[in-house]
Amino acid sequence: LGAPLLRARFPRAYLDVNREPYELDPKMYEDRLPSYANIRSLRVAGG
């Protein structure tokens, strides 16, 4: 139809581009997250 389609090859379980860039759950990591990480979003709370 004349429209481009952008598609990810990496899976959502590996990286989710439909989130803010730094919505990160501190419980997942060995070390401290950077101060700019959003650790309190509802999406982080839901895993």
All heavy atoms as atom14 arrays in JSON, in Angstrom:
{
  "sequence": "LGAPLLRARFPRAYLDVNREPYELDPKMYEDRLPSYANIRSLRVAGG",
  "atom14_mask": [
    [1, 1, 1, 1, 1, 1, 1, 1, 0, 0, 0, 0, 0, 0],
    [1, 1, 1, 1, 0, 0, 0, 0, 0, 0, 0, 0, 0, 0],
    [1, 1, 1, 1, 1, 0, 0, 0, 0, 0, 0, 0, 0, 0],
    [1, 1, 1, 1, 1, 1, 1, 0, 0, 0, 0, 0, 0, 0],
    [1, 1, 1, 1, 1, 1, 1, 1, 0, 0, 0, 0, 0, 0],
    [1, 1, 1, 1, 1, 1, 1, 1, 0, 0, 0, 0, 0, 0],
    [1, 1, 1, 1, 1, 1, 1, 1, 1, 1, 1, 0, 0, 0],
    [1, 1, 1, 1, 1, 0, 0, 0, 0, 0, 0, 0, 0, 0],
    [1, 1, 1, 1, 1, 1, 1, 1, 1, 1, 1, 0, 0, 0],
    [1, 1, 1, 1, 1, 1, 1, 1, 1, 1, 1, 0, 0, 0],
    [1, 1, 1, 1, 1, 1, 1, 0, 0, 0, 0, 0, 0, 0],
    [1, 1, 1, 1, 1, 1, 1, 1, 1, 1, 1, 0, 0, 0],
    [1, 1, 1, 1, 1, 0, 0, 0, 0, 0, 0, 0, 0, 0],
    [1, 1, 1, 1, 1, 1, 1, 1, 1, 1, 1, 1, 0, 0],
    [1, 1, 1, 1, 1, 1, 1, 1, 0, 0, 0, 0, 0, 0],
    [1, 1, 1, 1, 1, 1, 1, 1, 0, 0, 0, 0, 0, 0],
    [1, 1, 1, 1, 1, 1, 1, 0, 0, 0, 0, 0, 0, 0],
    [1, 1, 1, 1, 1, 1, 1, 1, 0, 0, 0, 0, 0, 0],
    [1, 1, 1, 1, 1, 1, 1, 1, 1, 1, 1, 0, 0, 0],
    [1, 1, 1, 1, 1, 1, 1, 1, 1, 0, 0, 0, 0, 0],
    [1, 1, 1, 1, 1, 1, 1, 0, 0, 0, 0, 0, 0, 0],
    [1, 1, 1, 1, 1, 1, 1, 1, 1, 1, 1, 1, 0, 0],
    [1, 1, 1, 1, 1, 1, 1, 1, 1, 0, 0, 0, 0, 0],
    [1, 1, 1, 1, 1, 1, 1, 1, 0, 0, 0, 0, 0, 0],
    [1, 1, 1, 1, 1, 1, 1, 1, 0, 0, 0, 0, 0, 0],
    [1, 1, 1, 1, 1, 1, 1, 0, 0, 0, 0, 0, 0, 0],
    [1, 1, 1, 1, 1, 1, 1, 1, 1, 0, 0, 0, 0, 0],
    [1, 1, 1, 1, 1, 1, 1, 1, 0, 0, 0, 0, 0, 0],
    [1, 1, 1, 1, 1, 1, 1, 1, 1, 1, 1, 1, 0, 0],
    [1, 1, 1, 1, 1, 1, 1, 1, 1, 0, 0, 0, 0, 0],
    [1, 1, 1, 1, 1, 1, 1, 1, 0, 0, 0, 0, 0, 0],
    [1, 1, 1, 1, 1, 1, 1, 1, 1, 1, 1, 0, 0, 0],
    [1, 1, 1, 1, 1, 1, 1, 1, 0, 0, 0, 0, 0, 0],
    [1, 1, 1, 1, 1, 1, 1, 0, 0, 0, 0, 0, 0, 0],
    [1, 1, 1, 1, 1, 1, 0, 0, 0, 0, 0, 0, 0, 0],
    [1, 1, 1, 1, 1, 1, 1, 1, 1, 1, 1, 1, 0, 0],
    [1, 1, 1, 1, 1, 0, 0, 0, 0, 0, 0, 0, 0, 0],
    [1, 1, 1, 1, 1, 1, 1, 1, 0, 0, 0, 0, 0, 0],
    [1, 1, 1, 1, 1, 1, 1, 1, 0, 0, 0, 0, 0, 0],
    [1, 1, 1, 1, 1, 1, 1, 1, 1, 1, 1, 0, 0, 0],
    [1, 1, 1, 1, 1, 1, 0, 0, 0, 0, 0, 0, 0, 0],
    [1, 1, 1, 1, 1, 1, 1, 1, 0, 0, 0, 0, 0, 0],
    [1, 1, 1, 1, 1, 1, 1, 1, 1, 1, 1, 0, 0, 0],
    [1, 1, 1, 1, 1, 1, 1, 0, 0, 0, 0, 0, 0, 0],
    [1, 1, 1, 1, 1, 0, 0, 0, 0, 0, 0, 0, 0, 0],
    [1, 1, 1, 1, 0, 0, 0, 0, 0, 0, 0, 0, 0, 0],
    [1, 1, 1, 1, 0, 0, 0, 0, 0, 0, 0, 0, 0, 0]
  ],
  "atom14_positions": [
    [[0.82, -1.21, 0.0], [0.0, 0.0, 0.0], [0.86, 1.26, 0.0], [0.33, 2.37, -0.06], [-0.92, 0.02, 1.23], [-1.85, -1.19, 1.41], [-2.62, -1.05, 2.71], [-2.79, -1.32, 0.22], [0.0, 0.0, 0.0], [0.0, 0.0, 0.0], [0.0, 0.0, 0.0], [0.0, 0.0, 0.0], [0.0, 0.0, 0.0], [0.0, 0.0, 0.0]],
    [[2.18, 1.09, 0.09], [3.08, 2.22, 0.1], [3.44, 2.73, 1.47], [3.88, 3.88, 1.62], [0.0, 0.0, 0.0], [0.0, 0.0, 0.0], [0.0, 0.0, 0.0], [0.0, 0.0, 0.0], [0.0, 0.0, 0.0], [0.0, 0.0, 0.0], [0.0, 0.0, 0.0], [0.0, 0.0, 0.0], [0.0, 0.0, 0.0], [0.0, 0.0, 0.0]],
    [[3.3, 1.88, 2.51], [3.62, 2.29, 3.88], [4.78, 1.46, 4.41], [4.85, 0.25, 4.16], [2.41, 2.11, 4.79], [0.0, 0.0, 0.0], [0.0, 0.0, 0.0], [0.0, 0.0, 0.0], [0.0, 0.0, 0.0], [0.0, 0.0, 0.0], [0.0, 0.0, 0.0], [0.0, 0.0, 0.0], [0.0, 0.0, 0.0], [0.0, 0.0, 0.0]],
    [[5.72, 2.08, 5.14], [6.8, 1.31, 5.77], [6.32, 0.61, 7.04], [5.37, 1.06, 7.69], [7.84, 2.38, 6.11], [7.05, 3.63, 6.28], [5.86, 3.53, 5.36], [0.0, 0.0, 0.0], [0.0, 0.0, 0.0], [0.0, 0.0, 0.0], [0.0, 0.0, 0.0], [0.0, 0.0, 0.0], [0.0, 0.0, 0.0], [0.0, 0.0, 0.0]],
    [[6.99, -0.49, 7.37], [6.73, -1.23, 8.6], [8.05, -1.43, 9.32], [8.98, -2.05, 8.79], [6.1, -2.6, 8.28], [6.0, -3.61, 9.43], [5.07, -3.13, 10.52], [5.54, -4.98, 8.91], [0.0, 0.0, 0.0], [0.0, 0.0, 0.0], [0.0, 0.0, 0.0], [0.0, 0.0, 0.0], [0.0, 0.0, 0.0], [0.0, 0.0, 0.0]],
    [[8.15, -0.88, 10.52], [9.32, -1.09, 11.38], [9.01, -2.25, 12.31], [7.96, -2.26, 12.97], [9.61, 0.18, 12.18], [10.73, 0.1, 13.22], [12.08, -0.19, 12.58], [10.8, 1.4, 14.04], [0.0, 0.0, 0.0], [0.0, 0.0, 0.0], [0.0, 0.0, 0.0], [0.0, 0.0, 0.0], [0.0, 0.0, 0.0], [0.0, 0.0, 0.0]],
    [[9.94, -3.21, 12.39], [9.7, -4.34, 13.28], [10.97, -4.69, 14.05], [12.08, -4.64, 13.52], [9.21, -5.56, 12.51], [10.18, -6.14, 11.5], [9.55, -7.36, 10.85], [10.39, -7.95, 9.8], [9.99, -8.93, 9.0], [8.76, -9.43, 9.12], [10.8, -9.42, 8.09], [0.0, 0.0, 0.0], [0.0, 0.0, 0.0], [0.0, 0.0, 0.0]],
    [[10.78, -5.03, 15.31], [11.89, -5.47, 16.16], [12.19, -6.93, 15.88], [11.29, -7.73, 15.61], [11.53, -5.28, 17.63], [0.0, 0.0, 0.0], [0.0, 0.0, 0.0], [0.0, 0.0, 0.0], [0.0, 0.0, 0.0], [0.0, 0.0, 0.0], [0.0, 0.0, 0.0], [0.0, 0.0, 0.0], [0.0, 0.0, 0.0], [0.0, 0.0, 0.0]],
    [[13.45, -7.28, 15.96], [13.87, -8.68, 15.95], [14.13, -9.17, 17.37], [14.03, -10.35, 17.66], [15.13, -8.84, 15.11], [14.91, -8.6, 13.59], [14.45, -9.86, 12.91], [14.39, -9.75, 11.47], [15.43, -9.79, 10.64], [16.65, -9.88, 11.13], [15.26, -9.72, 9.34], [0.0, 0.0, 0.0], [0.0, 0.0, 0.0], [0.0, 0.0, 0.0]],
    [[14.53, -8.24, 18.26], [14.74, -8.63, 19.66], [13.38, -8.8, 20.32], [12.43, -8.1, 20.02], [15.58, -7.58, 20.4], [15.05, -6.17, 20.29], [14.06, -5.71, 21.14], [15.55, -5.31, 19.33], [13.57, -4.42, 21.04], [15.08, -4.01, 19.22], [14.08, -3.57, 20.07], [0.0, 0.0, 0.0], [0.0, 0.0, 0.0], [0.0, 0.0, 0.0]],
    [[13.26, -9.75, 21.26], [11.96, -10.0, 21.88], [11.64, -9.03, 23.0], [12.53, -8.43, 23.62], [12.11, -11.43, 22.43], [13.56, -11.56, 22.69], [14.28, -10.74, 21.65], [0.0, 0.0, 0.0], [0.0, 0.0, 0.0], [0.0, 0.0, 0.0], [0.0, 0.0, 0.0], [0.0, 0.0, 0.0], [0.0, 0.0, 0.0], [0.0, 0.0, 0.0]],
    [[10.37, -8.89, 23.26], [9.9, -8.02, 24.34], [10.46, -8.46, 25.69], [10.75, -7.62, 26.56], [8.38, -8.05, 24.37], [7.76, -7.19, 25.45], [6.27, -7.43, 25.52], [5.62, -6.5, 26.45], [4.34, -6.56, 26.76], [3.57, -7.49, 26.22], [3.82, -5.69, 27.6], [0.0, 0.0, 0.0], [0.0, 0.0, 0.0], [0.0, 0.0, 0.0]],
    [[10.62, -9.75, 25.9], [11.14, -10.24, 27.18], [12.58, -9.8, 27.39], [13.05, -9.74, 28.54], [11.05, -11.77, 27.24], [0.0, 0.0, 0.0], [0.0, 0.0, 0.0], [0.0, 0.0, 0.0], [0.0, 0.0, 0.0], [0.0, 0.0, 0.0], [0.0, 0.0, 0.0], [0.0, 0.0, 0.0], [0.0, 0.0, 0.0], [0.0, 0.0, 0.0]],
    [[13.28, -9.48, 26.32], [14.68, -9.06, 26.4], [14.79, -7.55, 26.58], [15.6, -7.06, 27.36], [15.38, -9.49, 25.11], [16.88, -9.27, 25.08], [17.73, -10.07, 25.83], [17.44, -8.3, 24.25], [19.11, -9.9, 25.78], [18.81, -8.11, 24.2], [19.64, -8.91, 24.96], [21.0, -8.73, 24.91], [0.0, 0.0, 0.0], [0.0, 0.0, 0.0]],
    [[13.94, -6.81, 25.87], [13.91, -5.35, 25.96], [12.57, -4.87, 25.43], [12.14, -5.29, 24.37], [15.04, -4.75, 25.11], [15.0, -3.22, 25.02], [15.54, -2.61, 26.3], [15.79, -2.72, 23.82], [0.0, 0.0, 0.0], [0.0, 0.0, 0.0], [0.0, 0.0, 0.0], [0.0, 0.0, 0.0], [0.0, 0.0, 0.0], [0.0, 0.0, 0.0]],
    [[11.93, -3.97, 26.15], [10.62, -3.47, 25.75], [10.73, -2.0, 25.37], [10.89, -1.13, 26.22], [9.62, -3.64, 26.9], [8.18, -3.43, 26.44], [7.97, -2.84, 25.36], [7.27, -3.85, 27.17], [0.0, 0.0, 0.0], [0.0, 0.0, 0.0], [0.0, 0.0, 0.0], [0.0, 0.0, 0.0], [0.0, 0.0, 0.0], [0.0, 0.0, 0.0]],
    [[10.64, -1.72, 24.08], [10.74, -0.34, 23.6], [9.42, 0.43, 23.76], [9.36, 1.62, 23.45], [11.19, -0.28, 22.12], [12.64, -0.72, 21.98], [10.28, -1.09, 21.21], [0.0, 0.0, 0.0], [0.0, 0.0, 0.0], [0.0, 0.0, 0.0], [0.0, 0.0, 0.0], [0.0, 0.0, 0.0], [0.0, 0.0, 0.0], [0.0, 0.0, 0.0]],
    [[8.38, -0.24, 24.26], [7.12, 0.44, 24.53], [7.04, 0.87, 26.0], [5.99, 0.85, 26.62], [5.93, -0.46, 24.17], [4.64, 0.34, 24.0], [4.66, 1.53, 23.71], [3.51, -0.33, 24.18], [0.0, 0.0, 0.0], [0.0, 0.0, 0.0], [0.0, 0.0, 0.0], [0.0, 0.0, 0.0], [0.0, 0.0, 0.0], [0.0, 0.0, 0.0]],
    [[8.18, 1.24, 26.52], [8.33, 1.75, 27.88], [9.2, 3.0, 27.82], [9.85, 3.27, 26.82], [9.01, 0.71, 28.79], [8.22, -0.59, 28.93], [6.98, -0.39, 29.77], [6.24, -1.63, 29.96], [5.16, -1.98, 29.26], [4.72, -1.19, 28.28], [4.52, -3.1, 29.51], [0.0, 0.0, 0.0], [0.0, 0.0, 0.0], [0.0, 0.0, 0.0]],
    [[9.22, 3.76, 28.91], [10.24, 4.8, 29.02], [11.61, 4.11, 28.94], [11.74, 2.92, 29.22], [10.13, 5.52, 30.37], [8.84, 6.27, 30.59], [8.76, 6.82, 32.02], [9.82, 6.94, 32.68], [7.63, 7.1, 32.47], [0.0, 0.0, 0.0], [0.0, 0.0, 0.0], [0.0, 0.0, 0.0], [0.0, 0.0, 0.0], [0.0, 0.0, 0.0]],
    [[12.67, 4.86, 28.6], [13.96, 4.19, 28.43], [14.53, 3.57, 29.7], [15.31, 2.62, 29.62], [14.87, 5.32, 27.91], [14.16, 6.59, 28.21], [12.7, 6.26, 28.18], [0.0, 0.0, 0.0], [0.0, 0.0, 0.0], [0.0, 0.0, 0.0], [0.0, 0.0, 0.0], [0.0, 0.0, 0.0], [0.0, 0.0, 0.0], [0.0, 0.0, 0.0]],
    [[14.16, 4.09, 30.87], [14.78, 3.6, 32.11], [13.74, 3.24, 33.16], [13.9, 3.58, 34.34], [15.75, 4.66, 32.65], [16.88, 4.99, 31.71], [16.84, 6.16, 30.95], [17.96, 4.14, 31.56], [17.87, 6.47, 30.07], [19.0, 4.43, 30.68], [18.94, 5.6, 29.94], [19.96, 5.9, 29.06], [0.0, 0.0, 0.0], [0.0, 0.0, 0.0]],
    [[12.7, 2.53, 32.79], [11.77, 1.98, 33.78], [12.35, 0.65, 34.26], [12.17, -0.39, 33.62], [10.38, 1.77, 33.16], [9.62, 3.05, 32.91], [8.18, 2.8, 32.5], [7.36, 2.5, 33.37], [7.89, 2.91, 31.29], [0.0, 0.0, 0.0], [0.0, 0.0, 0.0], [0.0, 0.0, 0.0], [0.0, 0.0, 0.0], [0.0, 0.0, 0.0]],
    [[13.05, 0.68, 35.37], [13.85, -0.46, 35.82], [13.51, -0.83, 37.26], [13.32, 0.03, 38.11], [15.34, -0.13, 35.69], [15.82, 0.23, 34.27], [17.27, 0.7, 34.3], [15.66, -0.95, 33.33], [0.0, 0.0, 0.0], [0.0, 0.0, 0.0], [0.0, 0.0, 0.0], [0.0, 0.0, 0.0], [0.0, 0.0, 0.0], [0.0, 0.0, 0.0]],
    [[13.46, -2.13, 37.49], [13.1, -2.67, 38.8], [14.36, -2.97, 39.61], [15.14, -3.86, 39.24], [12.3, -3.96, 38.58], [11.77, -4.56, 39.86], [12.25, -4.17, 40.94], [10.89, -5.44, 39.78], [0.0, 0.0, 0.0], [0.0, 0.0, 0.0], [0.0, 0.0, 0.0], [0.0, 0.0, 0.0], [0.0, 0.0, 0.0], [0.0, 0.0, 0.0]],
    [[14.6, -2.25, 40.7], [15.85, -2.46, 41.46], [16.0, -3.87, 42.02], [17.13, -4.31, 42.27], [15.75, -1.43, 42.59], [14.3, -1.07, 42.69], [13.74, -1.2, 41.3], [0.0, 0.0, 0.0], [0.0, 0.0, 0.0], [0.0, 0.0, 0.0], [0.0, 0.0, 0.0], [0.0, 0.0, 0.0], [0.0, 0.0, 0.0], [0.0, 0.0, 0.0]],
    [[14.9, -4.6, 42.16], [14.98, -5.97, 42.71], [15.62, -6.94, 41.72], [15.98, -8.05, 42.09], [13.59, -6.47, 43.08], [12.92, -5.68, 44.2], [11.65, -6.34, 44.67], [10.58, -6.4, 43.58], [10.09, -5.06, 43.2], [0.0, 0.0, 0.0], [0.0, 0.0, 0.0], [0.0, 0.0, 0.0], [0.0, 0.0, 0.0], [0.0, 0.0, 0.0]],
    [[15.79, -6.51, 40.46], [16.32, -7.41, 39.44], [17.83, -7.38, 39.34], [18.42, -8.25, 38.68], [15.74, -7.04, 38.06], [14.27, -7.32, 37.89], [13.69, -6.76, 36.26], [14.76, -7.67, 35.15], [0.0, 0.0, 0.0], [0.0, 0.0, 0.0], [0.0, 0.0, 0.0], [0.0, 0.0, 0.0], [0.0, 0.0, 0.0], [0.0, 0.0, 0.0]],
    [[18.48, -6.42, 39.98], [19.88, -6.14, 39.65], [20.83, -6.39, 40.82], [20.48, -6.23, 41.99], [20.02, -4.7, 39.13], [19.15, -4.51, 37.91], [17.91, -3.88, 38.01], [19.54, -5.02, 36.67], [17.09, -3.75, 36.9], [18.73, -4.89, 35.56], [17.5, -4.26, 35.68], [16.69, -4.16, 34.58], [0.0, 0.0, 0.0], [0.0, 0.0, 0.0]],
    [[22.07, -6.74, 40.45], [23.1, -7.02, 41.44], [23.58, -5.75, 42.12], [24.0, -5.78, 43.28], [24.3, -7.7, 40.76], [23.99, -9.06, 40.16], [25.18, -9.59, 39.37], [26.12, -8.8, 39.11], [25.16, -10.78, 39.01], [0.0, 0.0, 0.0], [0.0, 0.0, 0.0], [0.0, 0.0, 0.0], [0.0, 0.0, 0.0], [0.0, 0.0, 0.0]],
    [[23.56, -4.64, 41.39], [24.12, -3.41, 41.9], [23.11, -2.27, 41.79], [21.99, -2.46, 41.32], [25.43, -3.06, 41.18], [25.44, -3.47, 39.71], [24.52, -4.19, 39.28], [26.35, -3.06, 38.97], [0.0, 0.0, 0.0], [0.0, 0.0, 0.0], [0.0, 0.0, 0.0], [0.0, 0.0, 0.0], [0.0, 0.0, 0.0], [0.0, 0.0, 0.0]],
    [[23.51, -1.1, 42.23], [22.6, 0.04, 42.33], [22.28, 0.61, 40.95], [23.16, 0.76, 40.1], [23.23, 1.12, 43.21], [22.28, 2.3, 43.5], [23.01, 3.36, 44.31], [23.43, 2.84, 45.6], [22.66, 2.84, 46.68], [21.41, 3.3, 46.62], [23.11, 2.36, 47.82], [0.0, 0.0, 0.0], [0.0, 0.0, 0.0], [0.0, 0.0, 0.0]],
    [[21.02, 0.96, 40.75], [20.6, 1.6, 39.51], [21.01, 3.07, 39.51], [21.16, 3.69, 40.56], [19.07, 1.51, 39.36], [18.5, 0.14, 39.03], [16.98, 0.15, 39.18], [18.88, -0.28, 37.6], [0.0, 0.0, 0.0], [0.0, 0.0, 0.0], [0.0, 0.0, 0.0], [0.0, 0.0, 0.0], [0.0, 0.0, 0.0], [0.0, 0.0, 0.0]],
    [[21.19, 3.67, 38.31], [21.49, 5.1, 38.26], [20.32, 5.92, 38.79], [19.17, 5.47, 38.79], [21.72, 5.36, 36.77], [21.08, 4.22, 36.06], [21.17, 3.05, 36.97], [0.0, 0.0, 0.0], [0.0, 0.0, 0.0], [0.0, 0.0, 0.0], [0.0, 0.0, 0.0], [0.0, 0.0, 0.0], [0.0, 0.0, 0.0], [0.0, 0.0, 0.0]],
    [[20.61, 7.12, 39.25], [19.6, 7.95, 39.91], [18.46, 8.33, 38.99], [17.36, 8.62, 39.45], [20.26, 9.21, 40.47], [20.87, 9.96, 39.43], [0.0, 0.0, 0.0], [0.0, 0.0, 0.0], [0.0, 0.0, 0.0], [0.0, 0.0, 0.0], [0.0, 0.0, 0.0], [0.0, 0.0, 0.0], [0.0, 0.0, 0.0], [0.0, 0.0, 0.0]],
    [[18.71, 8.35, 37.68], [17.67, 8.76, 36.73], [16.69, 7.64, 36.39], [15.73, 7.85, 35.66], [18.3, 9.32, 35.45], [19.35, 8.42, 34.83], [19.01, 7.31, 34.06], [20.71, 8.7, 35.02], [19.98, 6.5, 33.5], [21.68, 7.89, 34.45], [21.32, 6.79, 33.69], [22.28, 5.98, 33.14], [0.0, 0.0, 0.0], [0.0, 0.0, 0.0]],
    [[16.91, 6.44, 36.88], [15.98, 5.34, 36.59], [14.63, 5.6, 37.26], [14.56, 6.09, 38.39], [16.57, 4.02, 37.09], [0.0, 0.0, 0.0], [0.0, 0.0, 0.0], [0.0, 0.0, 0.0], [0.0, 0.0, 0.0], [0.0, 0.0, 0.0], [0.0, 0.0, 0.0], [0.0, 0.0, 0.0], [0.0, 0.0, 0.0], [0.0, 0.0, 0.0]],
    [[13.58, 5.27, 36.55], [12.22, 5.35, 37.09], [11.89, 3.99, 37.71], [11.56, 3.05, 37.0], [11.23, 5.7, 35.98], [9.79, 5.8, 36.5], [9.52, 5.52, 37.66], [8.88, 6.19, 35.63], [0.0, 0.0, 0.0], [0.0, 0.0, 0.0], [0.0, 0.0, 0.0], [0.0, 0.0, 0.0], [0.0, 0.0, 0.0], [0.0, 0.0, 0.0]],
    [[11.98, 3.91, 39.03], [11.79, 2.63, 39.71], [10.4, 2.49, 40.33], [10.09, 1.47, 40.93], [12.86, 2.43, 40.81], [12.71, 3.47, 41.91], [14.25, 2.46, 40.21], [13.63, 3.25, 43.11], [0.0, 0.0, 0.0], [0.0, 0.0, 0.0], [0.0, 0.0, 0.0], [0.0, 0.0, 0.0], [0.0, 0.0, 0.0], [0.0, 0.0, 0.0]],
    [[9.55, 3.51, 40.14], [8.27, 3.52, 40.84], [7.07, 3.52, 39.9], [5.95, 3.75, 40.34], [8.18, 4.73, 41.78], [9.16, 4.68, 42.93], [8.98, 5.84, 43.9], [9.83, 5.69, 45.07], [11.08, 6.1, 45.14], [11.63, 6.69, 44.09], [11.78, 5.94, 46.25], [0.0, 0.0, 0.0], [0.0, 0.0, 0.0], [0.0, 0.0, 0.0]],
    [[7.28, 3.27, 38.63], [6.13, 3.26, 37.71], [5.28, 2.02, 37.96], [5.75, 1.0, 38.49], [6.61, 3.28, 36.26], [7.05, 2.0, 35.86], [0.0, 0.0, 0.0], [0.0, 0.0, 0.0], [0.0, 0.0, 0.0], [0.0, 0.0, 0.0], [0.0, 0.0, 0.0], [0.0, 0.0, 0.0], [0.0, 0.0, 0.0], [0.0, 0.0, 0.0]],
    [[4.02, 2.1, 37.57], [3.12, 0.95, 37.71], [3.6, -0.22, 36.88], [3.42, -1.39, 37.26], [1.71, 1.36, 37.29], [0.98, 2.32, 38.23], [-0.37, 2.72, 37.65], [0.8, 1.7, 39.62], [0.0, 0.0, 0.0], [0.0, 0.0, 0.0], [0.0, 0.0, 0.0], [0.0, 0.0, 0.0], [0.0, 0.0, 0.0], [0.0, 0.0, 0.0]],
    [[4.24, 0.08, 35.75], [4.72, -1.0, 34.89], [5.88, -1.74, 35.54], [5.98, -2.98, 35.46], [5.09, -0.44, 33.52], [3.86, 0.04, 32.76], [4.16, 0.66, 31.41], [4.75, 1.98, 31.49], [4.54, 2.95, 30.6], [3.73, 2.75, 29.58], [5.13, 4.12, 30.73], [0.0, 0.0, 0.0], [0.0, 0.0, 0.0], [0.0, 0.0, 0.0]],
    [[6.76, -1.01, 36.21], [7.83, -1.65, 36.96], [7.25, -2.51, 38.08], [7.66, -3.65, 38.29], [8.81, -0.59, 37.53], [9.73, -1.22, 38.57], [9.62, 0.03, 36.41], [0.0, 0.0, 0.0], [0.0, 0.0, 0.0], [0.0, 0.0, 0.0], [0.0, 0.0, 0.0], [0.0, 0.0, 0.0], [0.0, 0.0, 0.0], [0.0, 0.0, 0.0]],
    [[6.27, -1.96, 38.79], [5.64, -2.71, 39.89], [5.02, -4.01, 39.39], [4.99, -5.01, 40.11], [4.59, -1.83, 40.57], [0.0, 0.0, 0.0], [0.0, 0.0, 0.0], [0.0, 0.0, 0.0], [0.0, 0.0, 0.0], [0.0, 0.0, 0.0], [0.0, 0.0, 0.0], [0.0, 0.0, 0.0], [0.0, 0.0, 0.0], [0.0, 0.0, 0.0]],
    [[4.51, -4.0, 38.17], [3.9, -5.19, 37.6], [4.89, -6.14, 36.97], [4.49, -7.19, 36.42], [0.0, 0.0, 0.0], [0.0, 0.0, 0.0], [0.0, 0.0, 0.0], [0.0, 0.0, 0.0], [0.0, 0.0, 0.0], [0.0, 0.0, 0.0], [0.0, 0.0, 0.0], [0.0, 0.0, 0.0], [0.0, 0.0, 0.0], [0.0, 0.0, 0.0]],
    [[6.17, -5.81, 37.02], [7.2, -6.7, 36.46], [7.44, -6.51, 34.99], [8.15, -7.3, 34.36], [0.0, 0.0, 0.0], [0.0, 0.0, 0.0], [0.0, 0.0, 0.0], [0.0, 0.0, 0.0], [0.0, 0.0, 0.0], [0.0, 0.0, 0.0], [0.0, 0.0, 0.0], [0.0, 0.0, 0.0], [0.0, 0.0, 0.0], [0.0, 0.0, 0.0]]
  ]
}
